[in-house]
Protein backbone atom coordinates (compact mmCIF):
# COMPACT_ATOMS: atom_id res chain seq x y z
CA MET A 1 117.90 47.48 131.55
CA SER A 2 119.62 49.07 134.49
CA PHE A 3 118.11 51.24 137.17
CA GLN A 4 119.65 54.34 135.55
CA GLY A 5 118.05 53.43 132.22
CA LEU A 6 114.65 52.93 133.84
CA LEU A 7 114.99 56.20 135.70
CA ALA A 8 115.84 58.06 132.47
CA LEU A 9 112.89 56.44 130.68
CA PHE A 10 110.56 57.36 133.56
CA GLN A 11 111.81 60.97 133.55
CA THR A 12 111.29 61.20 129.80
CA LEU A 13 107.74 59.83 130.07
CA LEU A 14 107.00 62.15 132.97
CA MET A 15 108.23 65.19 131.02
CA LEU A 16 106.14 64.11 128.05
CA LEU A 17 103.07 63.79 130.30
CA ILE A 18 103.72 67.25 131.79
CA ALA A 19 104.06 68.74 128.29
CA VAL A 20 100.77 67.15 127.17
CA ALA A 21 98.96 68.33 130.34
CA THR A 22 100.35 71.86 129.96
CA SER A 23 99.28 71.96 126.32
CA TYR A 24 95.79 70.78 127.25
CA VAL A 25 95.43 73.42 129.98
CA ALA A 26 96.70 76.13 127.61
CA TYR A 27 94.20 75.04 124.95
CA GLN A 28 91.34 75.12 127.45
CA LEU A 29 92.34 78.61 128.58
CA TYR A 30 92.49 79.73 124.96
CA ARG A 31 88.98 78.38 124.31
CA ALA A 32 87.60 80.03 127.46
CA SER A 33 89.22 83.35 126.54
CA SER A 34 87.91 83.13 122.98
CA SER A 35 84.43 82.32 124.21
CA ARG A 36 84.53 85.26 126.66
CA ARG A 37 85.63 87.64 123.89
CA LYS A 38 82.82 86.46 121.63
CA SER A 39 80.34 86.88 124.46
CA GLU A 40 81.56 90.43 125.19
CA LEU A 41 81.37 91.27 121.49
CA ASN A 42 77.80 89.96 121.29
CA ILE A 43 76.82 92.04 124.33
CA LYS A 44 78.20 95.21 122.72
CA ARG A 45 76.50 94.42 119.42
CA LEU A 46 73.20 93.72 121.16
CA LYS A 47 73.35 97.11 122.91
CA ILE A 48 73.66 98.86 119.56
CA TYR A 49 70.82 96.78 118.10
CA ARG A 50 68.60 97.68 121.06
CA GLU A 51 69.45 101.35 120.68
CA VAL A 52 68.41 101.27 117.02
CA VAL A 53 65.15 99.55 117.99
CA ARG A 54 64.57 102.15 120.72
CA LEU A 55 65.11 105.08 118.35
CA LEU A 56 62.87 103.65 115.64
CA SER A 57 60.19 102.84 118.21
CA VAL A 58 60.21 106.40 119.54
CA ILE A 59 59.95 107.78 116.01
CA SER A 60 57.11 105.39 115.13
CA ARG A 61 55.23 106.27 118.30
CA GLU A 62 55.87 110.03 118.42
CA GLY A 63 56.39 110.88 114.75
CA ASP A 64 59.41 112.92 115.81
CA ILE A 65 62.64 112.68 117.76
CA SER A 66 64.24 115.17 120.11
CA ARG A 67 67.69 116.59 119.69
CA GLU A 68 68.77 114.97 122.97
CA GLU A 69 67.54 111.56 121.84
CA LEU A 70 69.42 111.90 118.56
CA LEU A 71 72.61 112.86 120.39
CA ALA A 72 72.17 109.91 122.76
CA PHE A 73 71.64 107.60 119.77
CA ARG A 74 74.77 108.91 118.09
CA SER A 75 76.77 108.46 121.25
CA LYS A 76 75.55 104.93 121.92
CA THR A 77 76.02 103.70 118.35
CA HIS A 78 79.29 105.37 117.37
CA GLU A 79 81.19 102.08 117.79
CA SER A 80 79.09 100.26 115.20
CA GLY A 81 81.85 100.61 112.62
CA PHE A 82 84.19 98.61 114.85
CA LEU A 83 81.70 95.99 116.01
CA PHE A 84 79.87 95.23 112.77
CA GLY A 85 80.68 95.07 109.12
CA LYS A 86 80.51 98.05 106.81
CA ASP A 87 76.92 97.22 105.88
CA VAL A 88 75.54 97.66 109.40
CA ALA A 89 77.71 100.69 110.14
CA GLU A 90 76.36 102.42 107.02
CA TYR A 91 72.81 101.35 107.89
CA VAL A 92 73.07 102.83 111.40
CA GLU A 93 74.48 106.02 109.88
CA GLU A 94 71.58 106.19 107.41
CA ILE A 95 69.08 105.78 110.24
CA TYR A 96 70.76 108.66 112.08
CA SER A 97 70.84 110.82 108.96
CA ARG A 98 67.19 110.23 108.11
CA SER A 99 66.17 110.79 111.73
CA LEU A 100 67.98 114.12 111.62
CA LYS A 101 66.14 115.04 108.41
CA LEU A 102 62.85 114.07 110.05
CA ARG A 103 63.64 116.26 113.04
CA SER A 104 64.56 119.20 110.78
CA SER A 105 61.44 118.90 108.66
CA ASN A 106 59.24 118.60 111.77
CA ALA A 107 60.85 121.75 113.18
CA LEU A 108 60.17 123.62 109.91
CA LEU A 109 56.55 122.45 109.87
CA LYS A 110 56.03 123.66 113.44
CA GLU A 111 57.37 127.14 112.67
CA GLN A 112 54.76 129.84 112.39
CA ASN A 113 56.51 131.65 109.55
CA LEU A 114 56.31 128.78 107.02
CA PRO A 115 53.15 129.72 105.12
CA ILE A 116 50.87 127.28 103.40
CA GLY A 117 52.07 126.84 99.86
CA GLU A 118 54.71 125.23 97.70
CA GLU A 119 57.57 125.48 100.21
CA ARG A 120 55.47 123.97 102.98
CA ASP A 121 54.36 121.19 100.62
CA LYS A 122 58.01 120.35 99.83
CA VAL A 123 58.83 120.15 103.54
CA THR A 124 55.75 117.99 104.16
CA VAL A 125 56.74 115.59 101.37
CA GLU A 126 60.29 115.35 102.76
CA ASN A 127 58.90 114.78 106.24
CA SER A 128 56.59 112.01 105.02
CA LYS A 129 59.36 110.41 102.99
CA GLN A 130 61.65 110.17 106.03
CA MET A 131 58.86 109.04 108.35
CA ILE A 132 57.79 106.24 106.00
CA TRP A 133 61.37 105.04 105.48
CA LEU A 134 62.10 105.04 109.23
CA ALA A 135 58.82 103.30 110.09
CA ASP A 136 59.61 100.59 107.53
CA GLN A 137 62.93 99.79 109.22
CA LEU A 138 61.66 98.06 112.38
CA PRO A 139 60.60 94.88 110.55
CA ARG A 140 63.84 94.90 108.53
CA LEU A 141 66.20 95.17 111.49
CA LYS A 142 66.28 91.46 112.18
CA GLN A 143 67.59 90.53 108.75
CA THR A 144 70.16 93.34 108.83
CA PHE A 145 71.60 92.46 112.25
CA GLU A 146 70.89 88.73 112.21
CA ARG A 147 74.23 87.47 110.95
CA TYR A 148 76.03 89.44 113.66
CA LEU A 149 73.78 88.51 116.56
CA THR A 150 73.03 84.84 115.88
CA ILE A 151 74.66 82.58 118.43
CA HIS A 152 76.33 79.63 116.72
CA ASP A 153 77.41 76.41 118.40
CA ALA A 154 75.45 77.20 121.54
CA LYS A 155 75.35 74.28 123.93
CA VAL A 156 72.43 74.07 126.29
CA LYS A 157 73.06 72.32 129.57
CA ASP A 158 70.26 70.64 131.45
CA GLU A 159 70.41 71.69 135.06
């Protein structure tokens, strides 16, 4: 084999090595980018989960929710339809809707012009119904959000 032949073979091998190295670096960048996206998605999902926990905790503690807290909840959870499946988005919407009903029934019960009687009893039943449903949700949150917030393939490094 001549020097020219060896040089051509060496150049071919070198180009092949560069292609393999470039592919490896590109794959590593892809994995890092994918991992970062998953991490960012989990952070956004966790914020919504924590907001649901916060709202339900306030309702369980106070028995009511303010208009401002409901608006804040709505604002902080409006992306749930993009970040979770339809099941969680509908669940968050139901929590909002029932919280709104609880707020409305509490406001009616606090009014002075709602006399004791059948109408007041209907409002009280509605209020109790919403309060019981909302209070029952705290223990159920984990199973509802679990499949979206579980970290799979997590590697723990010993430092």
